[in-house]
Amino acid sequence: MPIFPDEIALLSLFKTEPILLDSTSNDLPFYYNEATYRFSNGKEDFIVNLSPSYGEAKIQVNEHTSKRLLSLLDLKRVKKFEITADGKERASVQIKVDNEDSQQMIEIDFKPHFKQIFKEHLTR
């Protein structure tokens, strides 16, 4: 079962309300919904789409003024989505993806500016 932060932790991290795929059902737990967060750090614009129950995360980053695409991650086998910093000056996450013979670790800084580090470790 994929591990994702709860709705309150993500609201604190992204500082914005999510757009939920199923906003008609108040009984549907956040974990089983799809949430899209749109926010900016002033230099880059972010669109983060999370589907915790499916273990999916999509993160798109565009340059703020030109709208040029800087990064697009579309992950389908997220094992863990962990908040590593959530403050006024710094916001970041670490994403773990398990494959058959490797584990991928992606570190993403949202504030003060976008940074992405990708590491892969063989598990066999």
N, C-alpha and C. Protein backbone atom coordinates (compact mmCIF):
# COMPACT_ATOMS: atom_id res chain seq x y z
N MET A 1 0.84 -1.18 0.00
CA MET A 1 0.00 0.00 0.00
C MET A 1 0.89 1.25 0.00
N PRO A 2 0.73 2.13 -0.99
CA PRO A 2 1.54 3.35 -1.05
C PRO A 2 1.34 4.24 0.18
N ILE A 3 2.40 4.93 0.58
CA ILE A 3 2.35 5.81 1.74
C ILE A 3 2.42 7.26 1.25
N PHE A 4 1.39 8.03 1.55
CA PHE A 4 1.30 9.44 1.19
C PHE A 4 0.90 10.23 2.43
N PRO A 5 1.30 11.50 2.50
CA PRO A 5 0.85 12.35 3.60
C PRO A 5 -0.67 12.54 3.53
N ASP A 6 -1.26 12.91 4.66
CA ASP A 6 -2.70 13.16 4.65
C ASP A 6 -3.00 14.53 4.03
N GLU A 7 -4.28 14.80 3.87
CA GLU A 7 -4.75 16.01 3.20
C GLU A 7 -4.26 17.29 3.90
N ILE A 8 -4.25 17.29 5.22
CA ILE A 8 -3.84 18.47 5.99
C ILE A 8 -2.35 18.75 5.78
N ALA A 9 -1.52 17.72 5.80
CA ALA A 9 -0.08 17.89 5.60
C ALA A 9 0.22 18.43 4.20
N LEU A 10 -0.50 17.95 3.19
CA LEU A 10 -0.30 18.43 1.82
C LEU A 10 -0.80 19.87 1.66
N LEU A 11 -1.88 20.20 2.32
CA LEU A 11 -2.38 21.57 2.30
C LEU A 11 -1.35 22.52 2.90
N SER A 12 -0.72 22.10 3.99
CA SER A 12 0.32 22.90 4.63
C SER A 12 1.55 23.05 3.72
N LEU A 13 1.94 21.98 3.06
CA LEU A 13 3.11 22.00 2.18
C LEU A 13 2.90 22.89 0.96
N PHE A 14 1.78 22.70 0.27
CA PHE A 14 1.54 23.40 -0.99
C PHE A 14 0.88 24.77 -0.80
N LYS A 15 0.34 25.02 0.38
CA LYS A 15 -0.31 26.30 0.70
C LYS A 15 -1.46 26.64 -0.25
N THR A 16 -2.17 25.61 -0.70
CA THR A 16 -3.32 25.81 -1.58
C THR A 16 -4.28 24.64 -1.43
N GLU A 17 -5.56 24.91 -1.66
CA GLU A 17 -6.58 23.86 -1.65
C GLU A 17 -6.46 23.02 -2.92
N PRO A 18 -6.62 21.71 -2.81
CA PRO A 18 -6.57 20.88 -4.02
C PRO A 18 -7.87 20.94 -4.80
N ILE A 19 -7.76 20.67 -6.09
CA ILE A 19 -8.93 20.42 -6.91
C ILE A 19 -9.09 18.91 -6.92
N LEU A 20 -10.22 18.42 -6.42
CA LEU A 20 -10.44 16.98 -6.31
C LEU A 20 -11.18 16.46 -7.53
N LEU A 21 -10.77 15.29 -8.03
CA LEU A 21 -11.43 14.68 -9.17
C LEU A 21 -12.89 14.40 -8.84
N ASP A 22 -13.14 13.81 -7.67
CA ASP A 22 -14.51 13.53 -7.23
C ASP A 22 -14.83 14.48 -6.08
N SER A 23 -15.39 15.63 -6.42
CA SER A 23 -15.73 16.62 -5.40
C SER A 23 -17.19 16.53 -4.99
N THR A 24 -17.93 15.58 -5.57
CA THR A 24 -19.36 15.46 -5.27
C THR A 24 -19.63 14.58 -4.06
N SER A 25 -18.70 13.69 -3.74
CA SER A 25 -18.91 12.75 -2.64
C SER A 25 -18.10 13.18 -1.41
N ASN A 26 -18.79 13.56 -0.37
CA ASN A 26 -18.12 13.92 0.88
C ASN A 26 -17.66 12.70 1.65
N ASP A 27 -18.16 11.52 1.27
CA ASP A 27 -17.81 10.28 1.96
C ASP A 27 -16.53 9.64 1.44
N LEU A 28 -16.05 10.09 0.28
CA LEU A 28 -14.86 9.49 -0.31
C LEU A 28 -13.61 9.98 0.42
N PRO A 29 -12.87 9.08 1.06
CA PRO A 29 -11.65 9.50 1.75
C PRO A 29 -10.63 10.09 0.77
N PHE A 30 -9.86 11.06 1.25
CA PHE A 30 -8.85 11.73 0.43
C PHE A 30 -7.92 10.71 -0.23
N TYR A 31 -7.53 9.67 0.47
CA TYR A 31 -6.58 8.67 -0.04
C TYR A 31 -7.07 8.03 -1.34
N TYR A 32 -8.40 7.92 -1.51
CA TYR A 32 -8.95 7.26 -2.69
C TYR A 32 -9.37 8.23 -3.79
N ASN A 33 -9.11 9.50 -3.60
CA ASN A 33 -9.45 10.51 -4.59
C ASN A 33 -8.20 10.90 -5.37
N GLU A 34 -8.37 11.76 -6.35
CA GLU A 34 -7.24 12.32 -7.09
C GLU A 34 -7.23 13.82 -6.83
N ALA A 35 -6.10 14.34 -6.37
CA ALA A 35 -6.00 15.75 -6.00
C ALA A 35 -4.98 16.47 -6.87
N THR A 36 -5.33 17.67 -7.33
CA THR A 36 -4.42 18.49 -8.13
C THR A 36 -4.16 19.79 -7.39
N TYR A 37 -2.88 20.09 -7.18
CA TYR A 37 -2.46 21.31 -6.51
C TYR A 37 -1.75 22.19 -7.53
N ARG A 38 -2.13 23.46 -7.59
CA ARG A 38 -1.48 24.44 -8.46
C ARG A 38 -0.95 25.57 -7.57
N PHE A 39 0.35 25.85 -7.69
CA PHE A 39 0.96 26.88 -6.85
C PHE A 39 2.25 27.38 -7.51
N SER A 40 2.81 28.44 -6.95
CA SER A 40 4.01 29.05 -7.51
C SER A 40 4.92 29.50 -6.37
N ASN A 41 6.22 29.49 -6.63
CA ASN A 41 7.17 30.06 -5.67
C ASN A 41 7.67 31.43 -6.14
N GLY A 42 7.06 31.95 -7.21
CA GLY A 42 7.45 33.23 -7.77
C GLY A 42 8.41 33.10 -8.94
N LYS A 43 9.17 32.01 -8.98
CA LYS A 43 10.11 31.76 -10.07
C LYS A 43 9.62 30.63 -10.97
N GLU A 44 9.00 29.63 -10.34
CA GLU A 44 8.47 28.48 -11.07
C GLU A 44 7.01 28.25 -10.67
N ASP A 45 6.24 27.72 -11.62
CA ASP A 45 4.85 27.33 -11.38
C ASP A 45 4.79 25.81 -11.33
N PHE A 46 3.99 25.28 -10.41
CA PHE A 46 3.90 23.84 -10.20
C PHE A 46 2.46 23.36 -10.37
N ILE A 47 2.33 22.18 -10.95
CA ILE A 47 1.08 21.43 -10.97
C ILE A 47 1.42 20.05 -10.43
N VAL A 48 0.87 19.73 -9.27
CA VAL A 48 1.13 18.44 -8.63
C VAL A 48 -0.17 17.67 -8.58
N ASN A 49 -0.19 16.51 -9.23
CA ASN A 49 -1.37 15.66 -9.27
C ASN A 49 -1.05 14.38 -8.52
N LEU A 50 -1.84 14.08 -7.47
CA LEU A 50 -1.59 12.90 -6.64
C LEU A 50 -2.80 11.99 -6.61
N SER A 51 -2.55 10.70 -6.79
CA SER A 51 -3.56 9.65 -6.63
C SER A 51 -2.99 8.63 -5.65
N PRO A 52 -3.11 8.89 -4.35
CA PRO A 52 -2.45 8.04 -3.35
C PRO A 52 -2.79 6.56 -3.43
N SER A 53 -4.06 6.21 -3.61
CA SER A 53 -4.42 4.79 -3.62
C SER A 53 -3.84 4.03 -4.80
N TYR A 54 -3.56 4.72 -5.89
CA TYR A 54 -2.94 4.10 -7.06
C TYR A 54 -1.41 4.20 -7.03
N GLY A 55 -0.87 4.96 -6.08
CA GLY A 55 0.58 5.14 -6.02
C GLY A 55 1.09 5.97 -7.17
N GLU A 56 0.32 6.97 -7.59
CA GLU A 56 0.70 7.79 -8.72
C GLU A 56 0.95 9.23 -8.30
N ALA A 57 1.97 9.84 -8.90
CA ALA A 57 2.29 11.25 -8.67
C ALA A 57 2.79 11.84 -9.98
N LYS A 58 2.24 12.98 -10.32
CA LYS A 58 2.67 13.70 -11.52
C LYS A 58 3.02 15.12 -11.10
N ILE A 59 4.24 15.55 -11.41
CA ILE A 59 4.70 16.88 -11.02
C ILE A 59 5.23 17.59 -12.26
N GLN A 60 4.56 18.69 -12.58
CA GLN A 60 4.96 19.50 -13.73
C GLN A 60 5.47 20.84 -13.21
N VAL A 61 6.61 21.29 -13.76
CA VAL A 61 7.22 22.55 -13.36
C VAL A 61 7.45 23.40 -14.60
N ASN A 62 6.95 24.64 -14.56
CA ASN A 62 7.14 25.58 -15.66
C ASN A 62 7.82 26.84 -15.13
N GLU A 63 8.64 27.46 -15.98
CA GLU A 63 9.25 28.74 -15.63
C GLU A 63 8.12 29.77 -15.56
N HIS A 64 8.13 30.60 -14.52
CA HIS A 64 6.99 31.47 -14.22
C HIS A 64 6.70 32.48 -15.33
N THR A 65 7.69 33.20 -15.80
CA THR A 65 7.41 34.27 -16.77
C THR A 65 7.21 33.76 -18.19
N SER A 66 8.03 32.82 -18.64
CA SER A 66 7.93 32.34 -20.03
C SER A 66 6.98 31.15 -20.18
N LYS A 67 6.62 30.50 -19.07
CA LYS A 67 5.77 29.29 -19.07
C LYS A 67 6.46 28.10 -19.73
N ARG A 68 7.78 28.20 -19.92
CA ARG A 68 8.57 27.11 -20.53
C ARG A 68 8.61 25.92 -19.58
N LEU A 69 8.41 24.72 -20.12
CA LEU A 69 8.45 23.50 -19.30
C LEU A 69 9.88 23.24 -18.83
N LEU A 70 10.04 23.08 -17.53
CA LEU A 70 11.34 22.77 -16.94
C LEU A 70 11.46 21.30 -16.58
N SER A 71 10.36 20.71 -16.11
CA SER A 71 10.41 19.31 -15.68
C SER A 71 9.02 18.72 -15.69
N LEU A 72 8.96 17.42 -16.00
CA LEU A 72 7.71 16.68 -15.91
C LEU A 72 8.04 15.28 -15.41
N LEU A 73 7.53 14.96 -14.25
CA LEU A 73 7.65 13.61 -13.69
C LEU A 73 6.26 12.99 -13.71
N ASP A 74 6.14 11.79 -14.24
CA ASP A 74 4.86 11.08 -14.26
C ASP A 74 5.14 9.68 -13.72
N LEU A 75 4.96 9.51 -12.43
CA LEU A 75 5.35 8.28 -11.74
C LEU A 75 4.13 7.41 -11.46
N LYS A 76 4.26 6.12 -11.75
CA LYS A 76 3.13 5.19 -11.62
C LYS A 76 3.28 4.18 -10.48
N ARG A 77 4.48 4.08 -9.89
CA ARG A 77 4.69 3.08 -8.84
C ARG A 77 5.32 3.71 -7.60
N VAL A 78 4.71 4.78 -7.12
CA VAL A 78 5.24 5.46 -5.94
C VAL A 78 4.98 4.60 -4.70
N LYS A 79 6.05 4.27 -4.03
CA LYS A 79 5.95 3.51 -2.79
C LYS A 79 5.73 4.44 -1.60
N LYS A 80 6.44 5.60 -1.63
CA LYS A 80 6.35 6.54 -0.52
C LYS A 80 6.54 7.96 -1.02
N PHE A 81 5.65 8.85 -0.61
CA PHE A 81 5.71 10.27 -0.91
C PHE A 81 5.84 10.96 0.45
N GLU A 82 7.03 11.47 0.75
CA GLU A 82 7.32 11.97 2.09
C GLU A 82 7.69 13.45 2.05
N ILE A 83 7.09 14.22 2.95
CA ILE A 83 7.44 15.63 3.09
C ILE A 83 8.71 15.70 3.93
N THR A 84 9.76 16.34 3.38
CA THR A 84 11.03 16.44 4.10
C THR A 84 11.28 17.83 4.68
N ALA A 85 10.59 18.84 4.15
CA ALA A 85 10.67 20.19 4.71
C ALA A 85 9.37 20.91 4.39
N ASP A 86 8.83 21.60 5.39
CA ASP A 86 7.58 22.34 5.22
C ASP A 86 7.65 23.59 6.07
N GLY A 87 8.29 24.60 5.53
CA GLY A 87 8.43 25.85 6.26
C GLY A 87 8.20 27.04 5.37
N LYS A 88 8.31 28.21 5.96
CA LYS A 88 8.10 29.44 5.21
C LYS A 88 9.17 29.61 4.13
N GLU A 89 10.40 29.22 4.43
CA GLU A 89 11.52 29.42 3.51
C GLU A 89 11.86 28.20 2.67
N ARG A 90 11.40 27.02 3.08
CA ARG A 90 11.80 25.79 2.38
C ARG A 90 10.65 24.79 2.37
N ALA A 91 10.42 24.19 1.20
CA ALA A 91 9.42 23.13 1.05
C ALA A 91 10.00 22.07 0.13
N SER A 92 10.00 20.82 0.58
CA SER A 92 10.56 19.75 -0.26
C SER A 92 9.93 18.41 0.08
N VAL A 93 10.06 17.48 -0.87
CA VAL A 93 9.55 16.13 -0.71
C VAL A 93 10.60 15.13 -1.19
N GLN A 94 10.44 13.90 -0.75
CA GLN A 94 11.24 12.79 -1.25
C GLN A 94 10.25 11.71 -1.69
N ILE A 95 10.46 11.22 -2.89
CA ILE A 95 9.58 10.21 -3.48
C ILE A 95 10.39 8.94 -3.70
N LYS A 96 9.84 7.81 -3.24
CA LYS A 96 10.49 6.52 -3.46
C LYS A 96 9.64 5.69 -4.41
N VAL A 97 10.30 5.14 -5.42
CA VAL A 97 9.65 4.29 -6.41
C VAL A 97 10.36 2.95 -6.40
N ASP A 98 9.62 1.86 -6.18
CA ASP A 98 10.20 0.52 -6.20
C ASP A 98 9.96 -0.15 -7.54
N ASN A 99 11.03 -0.66 -8.12
CA ASN A 99 10.95 -1.47 -9.33
C ASN A 99 11.40 -2.88 -8.97
N GLU A 100 11.41 -3.78 -9.94
CA GLU A 100 11.77 -5.17 -9.66
C GLU A 100 13.18 -5.31 -9.12
N ASP A 101 14.13 -4.60 -9.70
CA ASP A 101 15.52 -4.77 -9.29
C ASP A 101 16.20 -3.47 -8.85
N SER A 102 15.39 -2.42 -8.63
CA SER A 102 15.98 -1.15 -8.21
C SER A 102 14.97 -0.32 -7.42
N GLN A 103 15.52 0.64 -6.71
CA GLN A 103 14.69 1.62 -6.01
C GLN A 103 15.15 3.00 -6.46
N GLN A 104 14.21 3.84 -6.83
CA GLN A 104 14.51 5.18 -7.26
C GLN A 104 14.11 6.16 -6.17
N MET A 105 14.96 7.15 -5.93
CA MET A 105 14.70 8.18 -4.94
C MET A 105 14.75 9.51 -5.68
N ILE A 106 13.68 10.29 -5.56
CA ILE A 106 13.61 11.59 -6.20
C ILE A 106 13.39 12.63 -5.11
N GLU A 107 14.31 13.57 -5.02
CA GLU A 107 14.19 14.65 -4.06
C GLU A 107 13.81 15.90 -4.84
N ILE A 108 12.76 16.59 -4.38
CA ILE A 108 12.27 17.78 -5.06
C ILE A 108 12.13 18.92 -4.07
N ASP A 109 12.76 20.05 -4.40
CA ASP A 109 12.57 21.28 -3.64
C ASP A 109 11.59 22.15 -4.41
N PHE A 110 10.56 22.64 -3.71
CA PHE A 110 9.61 23.58 -4.29
C PHE A 110 9.98 25.02 -3.94
N LYS A 111 10.49 25.22 -2.73
CA LYS A 111 10.93 26.53 -2.25
C LYS A 111 12.31 26.39 -1.67
N PRO A 112 13.19 27.36 -1.76
CA PRO A 112 12.98 28.70 -2.31
C PRO A 112 12.98 28.71 -3.84
N HIS A 113 13.55 27.68 -4.46
CA HIS A 113 13.49 27.53 -5.91
C HIS A 113 13.48 26.04 -6.23
N PHE A 114 13.08 25.70 -7.44
CA PHE A 114 12.95 24.31 -7.85
C PHE A 114 14.32 23.64 -7.99
N LYS A 115 14.40 22.46 -7.42
CA LYS A 115 15.57 21.60 -7.60
C LYS A 115 15.09 20.16 -7.59
N GLN A 116 15.68 19.34 -8.45
CA GLN A 116 15.30 17.93 -8.53
C GLN A 116 16.56 17.08 -8.56
N ILE A 117 16.61 16.08 -7.68
CA ILE A 117 17.72 15.13 -7.64
C ILE A 117 17.14 13.73 -7.80
N PHE A 118 17.69 12.98 -8.74
CA PHE A 118 17.21 11.63 -9.03
C PHE A 118 18.34 10.64 -8.75
N LYS A 119 18.07 9.64 -7.91
CA LYS A 119 19.05 8.59 -7.61
C LYS A 119 18.39 7.23 -7.78
N GLU A 120 19.18 6.28 -8.29
CA GLU A 120 18.67 4.92 -8.43
C GLU A 120 19.65 3.96 -7.76
N HIS A 121 19.12 3.04 -6.98
CA HIS A 121 19.91 2.04 -6.29
C HIS A 121 19.45 0.65 -6.71
N LEU A 122 20.42 -0.20 -7.05
CA LEU A 122 20.08 -1.59 -7.38
C LEU A 122 19.75 -2.34 -6.09
N THR A 123 18.71 -3.16 -6.13
CA THR A 123 18.30 -3.91 -4.96
C THR A 123 18.62 -5.39 -5.07
N ARG A 124 19.12 -5.81 -6.20
CA ARG A 124 19.51 -7.23 -6.36
C ARG A 124 21.00 -7.38 -6.35
